[in-house]
Amino acid sequence: MNEYIEDLHAKEDALEDNAFELIQLTIKLEESEENLKEANASKDKFFSIVAHDLKSPFVGLLGITEMLDTDYDEFDEKEKRELIRSLYDISKSTFELLEGLLEWARAKQGQMTFNPSAFNLFHVAASLSQLLRANTFKKEIMLHNLVDVNAMVYADRNMASTVLRNLLANAIKFTPQNGTIDINAQIENNLMKISVKDSGIGMTPENIKKLFRIDVNHTTLGTNSEKGTGLGLILCKELVEKHGTNIWAESKLGEGSVFVFTLPLKENLE
């Protein structure tokens, strides 16, 4: 009887081990399935951008250049300037799209080197404000850099700059004429909490849930019909998560939006 009981206990232990291994295997299978879904969504997003978002501007470029080539003498000076301006706008947006696509591809392939260092956040915000000055001037938007002049973070400067630049570009896109955009930063829970607040068109709760997701194709025209791919926010999420921190959005329809992300402080990583 004792041998029988010992045999039962041994089998019970073996069953528990097998059950544990089965649970672990199930978890790994679920993770693999999730990774496969994300990989397929990334691939679909990539081909969608290449097939549609890159094709469309080239159709416009070809149409305008053809008109200039065949009917140049028939246009007056004002019409020529308008066509040249259209060429510039299309070329600029296409370049920005390509730049974002390349950055995203590098991030997905792990080719973006992560080099954290201490740097002044105010200076980065000031530099980006100057870089985007033409965009804000065009829509008469007041861009306020409210970051403390001594604000320091310990992060990858290029990645942090890319995230802030994308958020500012989005804010400009969705803010109407004579609007305002505020860049702010404050220490919270041993992290630097950086926010970009605009007085733009805002979003519904349903659309907020679609942000930062590669598996959802969500794009909205800007206040001047500016087009986007939704790729910028996906890139921002990946770059922020490389720092072990988070990014999120708060918004109400018709009341503007606030995009927030956190970065480590110097003392957190030293």
C-alpha atoms as a PDB file:
ATOM      1  CA  MET A   1       0.000   0.000   0.000  1.00  0.00           C
ATOM      2  CA  ASN A   2       2.857   2.370   0.882  1.00  0.00           C
ATOM      3  CA  GLU A   3       4.526   1.669  -2.464  1.00  0.00           C
ATOM      4  CA  TYR A   4       1.207   2.289  -4.220  1.00  0.00           C
ATOM      5  CA  ILE A   5       0.734   5.626  -2.396  1.00  0.00           C
ATOM      6  CA  GLU A   6       4.317   6.689  -3.226  1.00  0.00           C
ATOM      7  CA  ASP A   7       3.690   5.769  -6.861  1.00  0.00           C
ATOM      8  CA  LEU A   8       0.527   7.882  -6.860  1.00  0.00           C
ATOM      9  CA  HIS A   9       2.417  10.853  -5.375  1.00  0.00           C
ATOM     10  CA  ALA A  10       5.130  10.483  -8.016  1.00  0.00           C
ATOM     11  CA  LYS A  11       2.533  10.448 -10.776  1.00  0.00           C
ATOM     12  CA  GLU A  12       0.815  13.446  -9.215  1.00  0.00           C
ATOM     13  CA  ASP A  13       4.126  15.344  -9.196  1.00  0.00           C
ATOM     14  CA  ALA A  14       4.738  14.353 -12.802  1.00  0.00           C
ATOM     15  CA  LEU A  15       1.260  15.563 -13.772  1.00  0.00           C
ATOM     16  CA  GLU A  16       1.873  18.890 -12.013  1.00  0.00           C
ATOM     17  CA  ASP A  17       5.179  19.268 -13.857  1.00  0.00           C
ATOM     18  CA  ASN A  18       3.493  18.461 -17.165  1.00  0.00           C
ATOM     19  CA  ALA A  19       0.666  20.895 -16.396  1.00  0.00           C
ATOM     20  CA  PHE A  20       3.186  23.642 -15.605  1.00  0.00           C
ATOM     21  CA  GLU A  21       5.090  22.939 -18.822  1.00  0.00           C
ATOM     22  CA  LEU A  22       1.804  22.992 -20.758  1.00  0.00           C
ATOM     23  CA  ILE A  23       0.893  26.376 -19.238  1.00  0.00           C
ATOM     24  CA  GLN A  24       4.329  27.764 -20.130  1.00  0.00           C
ATOM     25  CA  LEU A  25       4.008  26.409 -23.664  1.00  0.00           C
ATOM     26  CA  THR A  26       0.532  27.964 -24.008  1.00  0.00           C
ATOM     27  CA  ILE A  27       1.899  31.336 -22.874  1.00  0.00           C
ATOM     28  CA  LYS A  28       4.745  31.106 -25.409  1.00  0.00           C
ATOM     29  CA  LEU A  29       2.292  30.161 -28.176  1.00  0.00           C
ATOM     30  CA  GLU A  30       0.071  33.128 -27.311  1.00  0.00           C
ATOM     31  CA  GLU A  31       3.098  35.445 -27.334  1.00  0.00           C
ATOM     32  CA  SER A  32       4.227  34.011 -30.691  1.00  0.00           C
ATOM     33  CA  GLU A  33       0.731  34.497 -32.111  1.00  0.00           C
ATOM     34  CA  GLU A  34       0.683  38.110 -30.891  1.00  0.00           C
ATOM     35  CA  ASN A  35       4.140  38.753 -32.367  1.00  0.00           C
ATOM     36  CA  LEU A  36       3.036  37.209 -35.657  1.00  0.00           C
ATOM     37  CA  LYS A  37      -0.067  39.428 -35.738  1.00  0.00           C
ATOM     38  CA  GLU A  38       2.072  42.516 -35.090  1.00  0.00           C
ATOM     39  CA  ALA A  39       4.590  41.475 -37.759  1.00  0.00           C
ATOM     40  CA  ASN A  40       1.797  40.990 -40.300  1.00  0.00           C
ATOM     41  CA  ALA A  41       0.234  44.319 -39.330  1.00  0.00           C
ATOM     42  CA  SER A  42       3.637  46.018 -39.738  1.00  0.00           C
ATOM     43  CA  LYS A  43       4.095  44.435 -43.145  1.00  0.00           C
ATOM     44  CA  ASP A  44       0.581  45.461 -44.238  1.00  0.00           C
ATOM     45  CA  LYS A  45       1.199  49.009 -42.980  1.00  0.00           C
ATOM     46  CA  PHE A  46       4.487  49.206 -44.866  1.00  0.00           C
ATOM     47  CA  PHE A  47       2.985  48.042 -48.172  1.00  0.00           C
ATOM     48  CA  SER A  48      -0.033  50.298 -47.676  1.00  0.00           C
ATOM     49  CA  ILE A  49       2.235  53.326 -47.325  1.00  0.00           C
ATOM     50  CA  VAL A  50       4.394  52.345 -50.291  1.00  0.00           C
ATOM     51  CA  ALA A  51       1.416  51.495 -52.512  1.00  0.00           C
ATOM     52  CA  HIS A  52      -0.863  54.390 -51.632  1.00  0.00           C
ATOM     53  CA  ASP A  53       0.707  57.163 -49.592  1.00  0.00           C
ATOM     54  CA  LEU A  54       3.878  57.283 -51.696  1.00  0.00           C
ATOM     55  CA  LYS A  55       2.099  56.776 -55.012  1.00  0.00           C
ATOM     56  CA  SER A  56      -0.409  59.606 -54.503  1.00  0.00           C
ATOM     57  CA  PRO A  57       2.088  62.494 -54.183  1.00  0.00           C
ATOM     58  CA  PHE A  58       4.021  61.284 -57.230  1.00  0.00           C
ATOM     59  CA  VAL A  59       0.811  61.375 -59.257  1.00  0.00           C
ATOM     60  CA  GLY A  60       0.480  65.034 -58.232  1.00  0.00           C
ATOM     61  CA  LEU A  61       4.125  65.781 -59.022  1.00  0.00           C
ATOM     62  CA  LEU A  62       3.873  64.180 -62.451  1.00  0.00           C
ATOM     63  CA  GLY A  63       0.643  66.047 -63.248  1.00  0.00           C
ATOM     64  CA  ILE A  64       2.028  69.481 -62.306  1.00  0.00           C
ATOM     65  CA  THR A  65       5.399  68.968 -64.002  1.00  0.00           C
ATOM     66  CA  GLU A  66       3.630  67.780 -67.155  1.00  0.00           C
ATOM     67  CA  MET A  67       1.510  70.958 -67.223  1.00  0.00           C
ATOM     68  CA  LEU A  68       4.599  73.117 -66.716  1.00  0.00           C
ATOM     69  CA  ASP A  69       6.413  71.227 -69.456  1.00  0.00           C
ATOM     70  CA  THR A  70       3.654  71.358 -72.075  1.00  0.00           C
ATOM     71  CA  ASP A  71       1.783  74.586 -71.251  1.00  0.00           C
ATOM     72  CA  TYR A  72       4.378  76.763 -69.498  1.00  0.00           C
ATOM     73  CA  ASP A  73       3.905  79.787 -71.805  1.00  0.00           C
ATOM     74  CA  GLU A  74       0.127  79.748 -71.336  1.00  0.00           C
ATOM     75  CA  PHE A  75       0.322  80.366 -67.578  1.00  0.00           C
ATOM     76  CA  ASP A  76       0.600  83.864 -66.136  1.00  0.00           C
ATOM     77  CA  GLU A  77       3.132  84.682 -63.406  1.00  0.00           C
ATOM     78  CA  LYS A  78       0.670  84.103 -60.556  1.00  0.00           C
ATOM     79  CA  GLU A  79      -0.363  80.680 -61.876  1.00  0.00           C
ATOM     80  CA  LYS A  80       3.278  79.656 -62.278  1.00  0.00           C
ATOM     81  CA  ARG A  81       4.034  80.627 -58.688  1.00  0.00           C
ATOM     82  CA  GLU A  82       1.018  78.652 -57.458  1.00  0.00           C
ATOM     83  CA  LEU A  83       2.144  75.559 -59.380  1.00  0.00           C
ATOM     84  CA  ILE A  84       5.703  75.878 -58.062  1.00  0.00           C
ATOM     85  CA  ARG A  85       4.325  76.259 -54.536  1.00  0.00           C
ATOM     86  CA  SER A  86       2.272  73.092 -55.027  1.00  0.00           C
ATOM     87  CA  LEU A  87       5.394  71.266 -56.191  1.00  0.00           C
ATOM     88  CA  TYR A  88       7.218  72.401 -53.056  1.00  0.00           C
ATOM     89  CA  ASP A  89       4.380  71.356 -50.722  1.00  0.00           C
ATOM     90  CA  ILE A  90       4.070  67.895 -52.316  1.00  0.00           C
ATOM     91  CA  SER A  91       7.841  67.376 -52.327  1.00  0.00           C
ATOM     92  CA  LYS A  92       8.133  68.436 -48.679  1.00  0.00           C
ATOM     93  CA  SER A  93       5.336  66.151 -47.460  1.00  0.00           C
ATOM     94  CA  THR A  94       6.722  63.235 -49.495  1.00  0.00           C
ATOM     95  CA  PHE A  95      10.181  63.767 -48.009  1.00  0.00           C
ATOM     96  CA  GLU A  96       8.717  63.817 -44.479  1.00  0.00           C
ATOM     97  CA  LEU A  97       6.839  60.607 -45.239  1.00  0.00           C
ATOM     98  CA  LEU A  98       9.995  58.901 -46.519  1.00  0.00           C
ATOM     99  CA  GLU A  99      11.960  60.130 -43.509  1.00  0.00           C
ATOM    100  CA  GLY A 100       9.360  58.735 -41.105  1.00  0.00           C
ATOM    101  CA  LEU A 101       9.182  55.459 -43.029  1.00  0.00           C
ATOM    102  CA  LEU A 102      12.954  54.990 -42.882  1.00  0.00           C
ATOM    103  CA  GLU A 103      13.089  55.830 -39.168  1.00  0.00           C
ATOM    104  CA  TRP A 104      10.286  53.374 -38.449  1.00  0.00           C
ATOM    105  CA  ALA A 105      11.932  50.632 -40.531  1.00  0.00           C
ATOM    106  CA  ARG A 106      15.229  51.148 -38.687  1.00  0.00           C
ATOM    107  CA  ALA A 107      13.444  50.964 -35.330  1.00  0.00           C
ATOM    108  CA  LYS A 108      11.604  47.757 -36.301  1.00  0.00           C
ATOM    109  CA  GLN A 109      14.834  46.103 -37.451  1.00  0.00           C
ATOM    110  CA  GLY A 110      16.693  47.124 -34.309  1.00  0.00           C
ATOM    111  CA  GLN A 111      19.122  49.267 -36.313  1.00  0.00           C
ATOM    112  CA  MET A 112      18.610  52.411 -34.247  1.00  0.00           C
ATOM    113  CA  THR A 113      21.477  52.628 -31.775  1.00  0.00           C
ATOM    114  CA  PHE A 114      20.311  53.457 -28.260  1.00  0.00           C
ATOM    115  CA  ASN A 115      22.802  55.933 -26.773  1.00  0.00           C
ATOM    116  CA  PRO A 116      21.408  57.557 -23.602  1.00  0.00           C
ATOM    117  CA  SER A 117      23.163  60.603 -22.197  1.00  0.00           C
ATOM    118  CA  ALA A 118      22.343  63.632 -20.073  1.00  0.00           C
ATOM    119  CA  PHE A 119      21.070  66.624 -22.046  1.00  0.00           C
ATOM    120  CA  ASN A 120      19.109  69.830 -21.604  1.00  0.00           C
ATOM    121  CA  LEU A 121      15.469  69.346 -22.637  1.00  0.00           C
ATOM    122  CA  PHE A 122      14.778  73.073 -22.967  1.00  0.00           C
ATOM    123  CA  HIS A 123      17.445  73.413 -25.670  1.00  0.00           C
ATOM    124  CA  VAL A 124      15.954  70.516 -27.665  1.00  0.00           C
ATOM    125  CA  ALA A 125      12.466  72.052 -27.443  1.00  0.00           C
ATOM    126  CA  ALA A 126      13.828  75.463 -28.476  1.00  0.00           C
ATOM    127  CA  SER A 127      15.675  73.971 -31.457  1.00  0.00           C
ATOM    128  CA  LEU A 128      12.562  72.144 -32.672  1.00  0.00           C
ATOM    129  CA  SER A 129      10.437  75.271 -32.216  1.00  0.00           C
ATOM    130  CA  GLN A 130      12.826  77.114 -34.511  1.00  0.00           C
ATOM    131  CA  LEU A 131      12.883  74.233 -36.993  1.00  0.00           C
ATOM    132  CA  LEU A 132       9.075  74.238 -37.257  1.00  0.00           C
ATOM    133  CA  ARG A 133       8.773  78.019 -37.259  1.00  0.00           C
ATOM    134  CA  ALA A 134       7.763  78.174 -40.939  1.00  0.00           C
ATOM    135  CA  ASN A 135       4.897  75.736 -40.274  1.00  0.00           C
ATOM    136  CA  THR A 136       3.580  77.709 -37.302  1.00  0.00           C
ATOM    137  CA  PHE A 137       4.036  81.045 -39.098  1.00  0.00           C
ATOM    138  CA  LYS A 138       1.965  79.821 -42.033  1.00  0.00           C
ATOM    139  CA  LYS A 139      -1.017  79.084 -39.756  1.00  0.00           C
ATOM    140  CA  GLU A 140      -0.272  81.975 -37.347  1.00  0.00           C
ATOM    141  CA  ILE A 141       0.064  79.537 -34.451  1.00  0.00           C
ATOM    142  CA  MET A 142       1.733  80.641 -31.215  1.00  0.00           C
ATOM    143  CA  LEU A 143       4.186  77.942 -30.105  1.00  0.00           C
ATOM    144  CA  HIS A 144       5.263  78.362 -26.457  1.00  0.00           C
ATOM    145  CA  ASN A 145       8.292  76.586 -25.038  1.00  0.00           C
ATOM    146  CA  LEU A 146       7.412  76.441 -21.321  1.00  0.00           C
ATOM    147  CA  VAL A 147      10.115  73.912 -20.414  1.00  0.00           C
ATOM    148  CA  ASP A 148      12.364  75.014 -17.553  1.00  0.00           C
ATOM    149  CA  VAL A 149      15.720  76.218 -18.894  1.00  0.00           C
ATOM    150  CA  ASN A 150      17.509  73.836 -16.513  1.00  0.00           C
ATOM    151  CA  ALA A 151      15.383  70.736 -17.232  1.00  0.00           C
ATOM    152  CA  MET A 152      17.682  67.735 -17.693  1.00  0.00           C
ATOM    153  CA  VAL A 153      16.888  64.176 -18.787  1.00  0.00           C
ATOM    154  CA  TYR A 154      18.978  61.067 -19.330  1.00  0.00           C
ATOM    155  CA  ALA A 155      17.857  59.589 -22.648  1.00  0.00           C
ATOM    156  CA  ASP A 156      18.802  59.065 -26.267  1.00  0.00           C
ATOM    157  CA  ARG A 157      18.839  62.645 -27.566  1.00  0.00           C
ATOM    158  CA  ASN A 158      18.071  61.736 -31.205  1.00  0.00           C
ATOM    159  CA  MET A 159      15.150  59.502 -30.239  1.00  0.00           C
ATOM    160  CA  ALA A 160      13.719  62.037 -27.785  1.00  0.00           C
ATOM    161  CA  SER A 161      14.033  64.763 -30.426  1.00  0.00           C
ATOM    162  CA  THR A 162      12.274  62.567 -33.012  1.00  0.00           C
ATOM    163  CA  VAL A 163       9.380  61.924 -30.619  1.00  0.00           C
ATOM    164  CA  LEU A 164       8.953  65.604 -29.721  1.00  0.00           C
ATOM    165  CA  ARG A 165       9.269  66.672 -33.378  1.00  0.00           C
ATOM    166  CA  ASN A 166       6.521  64.236 -34.446  1.00  0.00           C
ATOM    167  CA  LEU A 167       4.198  65.382 -31.660  1.00  0.00           C
ATOM    168  CA  LEU A 168       4.765  69.050 -32.526  1.00  0.00           C
ATOM    169  CA  ALA A 169       4.196  68.404 -36.243  1.00  0.00           C
ATOM    170  CA  ASN A 170       0.904  66.655 -35.397  1.00  0.00           C
ATOM    171  CA  ALA A 171      -0.151  69.487 -33.097  1.00  0.00           C
ATOM    172  CA  ILE A 172       0.506  72.029 -35.858  1.00  0.00           C
ATOM    173  CA  LYS A 173      -1.427  69.903 -38.344  1.00  0.00           C
ATOM    174  CA  PHE A 174      -4.551  69.697 -36.168  1.00  0.00           C
ATOM    175  CA  THR A 175      -4.490  73.228 -34.782  1.00  0.00           C
ATOM    176  CA  PRO A 176      -6.461  75.863 -36.764  1.00  0.00           C
ATOM    177  CA  GLN A 177      -5.364  79.373 -37.685  1.00  0.00           C
ATOM    178  CA  ASN A 178      -4.373  81.583 -34.708  1.00  0.00           C
ATOM    179  CA  GLY A 179      -4.240  78.599 -32.357  1.00  0.00           C
ATOM    180  CA  THR A 180      -1.734  77.871 -29.594  1.00  0.00           C
ATOM    181  CA  ILE A 181       0.636  74.996 -28.776  1.00  0.00           C
ATOM    182  CA  ASP A 182       2.423  74.636 -25.432  1.00  0.00           C
ATOM    183  CA  ILE A 183       5.465  72.441 -24.726  1.00  0.00           C
ATOM    184  CA  ASN A 184       5.805  71.725 -21.035  1.00  0.00           C
ATOM    185  CA  ALA A 185       7.792  69.419 -18.746  1.00  0.00           C
ATOM    186  CA  GLN A 186       7.678  68.582 -15.059  1.00  0.00           C
ATOM    187  CA  ILE A 187       9.147  65.931 -12.783  1.00  0.00           C
ATOM    188  CA  GLU A 188       6.631  63.327 -11.681  1.00  0.00           C
ATOM    189  CA  ASN A 189       7.267  59.918 -10.079  1.00  0.00           C
ATOM    190  CA  ASN A 190      11.013  60.228 -10.683  1.00  0.00           C
ATOM    191  CA  LEU A 191      10.439  60.746 -14.418  1.00  0.00           C
ATOM    192  CA  MET A 192      10.332  63.804 -16.656  1.00  0.00           C
ATOM    193  CA  LYS A 193       6.768  64.181 -17.905  1.00  0.00           C
ATOM    194  CA  ILE A 194       6.810  66.042 -21.243  1.00  0.00           C
ATOM    195  CA  SER A 195       3.591  67.309 -22.807  1.00  0.00           C
ATOM    196  CA  VAL A 196       2.535  68.930 -26.077  1.00  0.00           C
ATOM    197  CA  LYS A 197      -0.819  70.672 -25.646  1.00  0.00           C
ATOM    198  CA  ASP A 198      -2.733  72.198 -28.568  1.00  0.00           C
ATOM    199  CA  SER A 199      -5.938  74.164 -29.053  1.00  0.00           C
ATOM    200  CA  GLY A 200      -6.866  71.994 -32.031  1.00  0.00           C
ATOM    201  CA  ILE A 201      -9.859  69.966 -33.129  1.00  0.00           C
ATOM    202  CA  GLY A 202      -9.508  67.266 -30.482  1.00  0.00           C
ATOM    203  CA  MET A 203     -10.529  63.606 -30.687  1.00  0.00           C
ATOM    204  CA  THR A 204     -13.317  61.261 -29.625  1.00  0.00           C
ATOM    205  CA  PRO A 205     -12.594  58.527 -27.033  1.00  0.00           C
ATOM    206  CA  GLU A 206     -12.956  55.953 -29.828  1.00  0.00           C
ATOM    207  CA  ASN A 207     -10.234  57.596 -31.912  1.00  0.00           C
ATOM    208  CA  ILE A 208      -7.897  57.958 -28.921  1.00  0.00           C
ATOM    209  CA  LYS A 209      -7.995  54.157 -28.536  1.00  0.00           C
ATOM    210  CA  LYS A 210      -6.813  53.774 -32.147  1.00  0.00           C
ATOM    211  CA  LEU A 211      -3.657  55.838 -31.623  1.00  0.00           C
ATOM    212  CA  PHE A 212      -0.221  54.187 -31.378  1.00  0.00           C
ATOM    213  CA  ARG A 213      -1.586  50.944 -32.905  1.00  0.00           C
ATOM    214  CA  ILE A 214      -0.017  49.397 -35.981  1.00  0.00           C
ATOM    215  CA  ASP A 215      -2.990  47.054 -36.514  1.00  0.00           C
ATOM    216  CA  VAL A 216      -5.481  49.923 -36.903  1.00  0.00           C
ATOM    217  CA  ASN A 217      -5.356  52.175 -39.952  1.00  0.00           C
ATOM    218  CA  HIS A 218      -6.349  55.530 -38.474  1.00  0.00           C
ATOM    219  CA  THR A 219      -5.531  58.834 -40.158  1.00  0.00           C
ATOM    220  CA  THR A 220      -7.298  62.200 -40.083  1.00  0.00           C
ATOM    221  CA  LEU A 221      -6.917  65.247 -42.304  1.00  0.00           C
ATOM    222  CA  GLY A 222      -5.437  68.328 -40.649  1.00  0.00           C
ATOM    223  CA  THR A 223      -7.202  71.683 -40.401  1.00  0.00           C
ATOM    224  CA  ASN A 224      -5.690  72.690 -43.777  1.00  0.00           C
ATOM    225  CA  SER A 225      -6.366  69.221 -45.258  1.00  0.00           C
ATOM    226  CA  GLU A 226      -2.829  68.046 -44.392  1.00  0.00           C
ATOM    227  CA  LYS A 227      -2.495  64.314 -44.915  1.00  0.00           C
ATOM    228  CA  GLY A 228      -0.821  61.803 -42.631  1.00  0.00           C
ATOM    229  CA  THR A 229      -0.180  58.073 -42.377  1.00  0.00           C
ATOM    230  CA  GLY A 230      -0.438  57.490 -38.625  1.00  0.00           C
ATOM    231  CA  LEU A 231       3.118  56.180 -38.784  1.00  0.00           C
ATOM    232  CA  GLY A 232       4.600  59.012 -36.699  1.00  0.00           C
ATOM    233  CA  LEU A 233       2.782  58.070 -33.491  1.00  0.00           C
ATOM    234  CA  ILE A 234       3.663  54.386 -33.919  1.00  0.00           C
ATOM    235  CA  LEU A 235       7.323  55.376 -34.253  1.00  0.00           C
ATOM    236  CA  CYS A 236       7.017  57.610 -31.170  1.00  0.00           C
ATOM    237  CA  LYS A 237       5.641  54.709 -29.122  1.00  0.00           C
ATOM    238  CA  GLU A 238       8.510  52.417 -30.109  1.00  0.00           C
ATOM    239  CA  LEU A 239      11.173  55.039 -29.375  1.00  0.00           C
ATOM    240  CA  VAL A 240       9.670  55.951 -25.990  1.00  0.00           C
ATOM    241  CA  GLU A 241       9.362  52.288 -24.994  1.00  0.00           C
ATOM    242  CA  LYS A 242      13.072  51.802 -25.701  1.00  0.00           C
ATOM    243  CA  HIS A 243      13.585  54.018 -22.640  1.00  0.00           C
ATOM    244  CA  GLY A 244      11.271  51.819 -20.549  1.00  0.00           C
ATOM    245  CA  THR A 245       8.730  54.647 -20.321  1.00  0.00           C
ATOM    246  CA  ASN A 246       5.283  55.467 -21.727  1.00  0.00           C
ATOM    247  CA  ILE A 247       3.415  57.729 -24.136  1.00  0.00           C
ATOM    248  CA  TRP A 248      -0.302  58.524 -24.160  1.00  0.00           C
ATOM    249  CA  ALA A 249      -2.895  61.061 -25.293  1.00  0.00           C
ATOM    250  CA  GLU A 250      -5.694  63.000 -23.579  1.00  0.00           C
ATOM    251  CA  SER A 251      -8.303  64.812 -25.625  1.00  0.00           C
ATOM    252  CA  LYS A 252     -11.883  65.992 -26.006  1.00  0.00           C
ATOM    253  CA  LEU A 253     -13.530  66.654 -29.328  1.00  0.00           C
ATOM    254  CA  GLY A 254     -13.438  70.373 -30.079  1.00  0.00           C
ATOM    255  CA  GLU A 255     -11.248  71.145 -27.053  1.00  0.00           C
ATOM    256  CA  GLY A 256      -7.765  70.261 -28.272  1.00  0.00           C
ATOM    257  CA  SER A 257      -5.390  67.446 -27.333  1.00  0.00           C
ATOM    258  CA  VAL A 258      -2.474  66.779 -25.009  1.00  0.00           C
ATOM    259  CA  PHE A 259       0.166  64.215 -25.966  1.00  0.00           C
ATOM    260  CA  VAL A 260       2.357  63.139 -23.088  1.00  0.00           C
ATOM    261  CA  PHE A 261       5.482  60.991 -22.830  1.00  0.00           C
ATOM    262  CA  THR A 262       7.964  60.338 -20.053  1.00  0.00           C
ATOM    263  CA  LEU A 263      11.755  60.068 -20.031  1.00  0.00           C
ATOM    264  CA  PRO A 264      14.172  58.985 -17.296  1.00  0.00           C
ATOM    265  CA  LEU A 265      15.960  61.542 -15.190  1.00  0.00           C
ATOM    266  CA  LYS A 266      19.741  61.593 -15.051  1.00  0.00           C
ATOM    267  CA  GLU A 267      19.955  60.036 -11.598  1.00  0.00           C
ATOM    268  CA  ASN A 268      17.662  57.125 -12.570  1.00  0.00           C
ATOM    269  CA  LEU A 269      20.177  55.517 -14.917  1.00  0.00           C
ATOM    270  CA  GLU A 270      23.529  56.490 -13.413  1.00  0.00           C
END
